[in-house]
Amino acid sequence: MFTPPNGPGALQPPPRIDFALAAKKLGVTETQLKSALGVPEQPPTQPLSSPPPRPDLKGAATKLGVTESKLIEALGLPPHPPGDPSSTPK
């Protein structure tokens, strides 16, 4: 049975992060937020062959002087991405 690429069960790309809004929620500049996360100022012009690695959120939160959970919430990220070993129940 053929399922179209965007059909049921297809992996959807993560929503784009609004860095300006997240920075405002955290009380920092967009540049400070991107720098702490290790994100380039300008998004790549070419599509990536694989998704970028998840940034060090704990380290970024420390650099910004906020909690990791506050940073995750401001970015609109799921607390534990699929495949994260800490997200599986024990």
Foldseek 3Di string as FASTA:
>chain_A
DDAPCPGPPHDDDDDDFPLCQLCVLLVHHSVLLCVLQVHDPDDDPDDDPDDDDGGPLCSSCVSSVHHSVSSCVSRVHDPADPPRPVPDDD
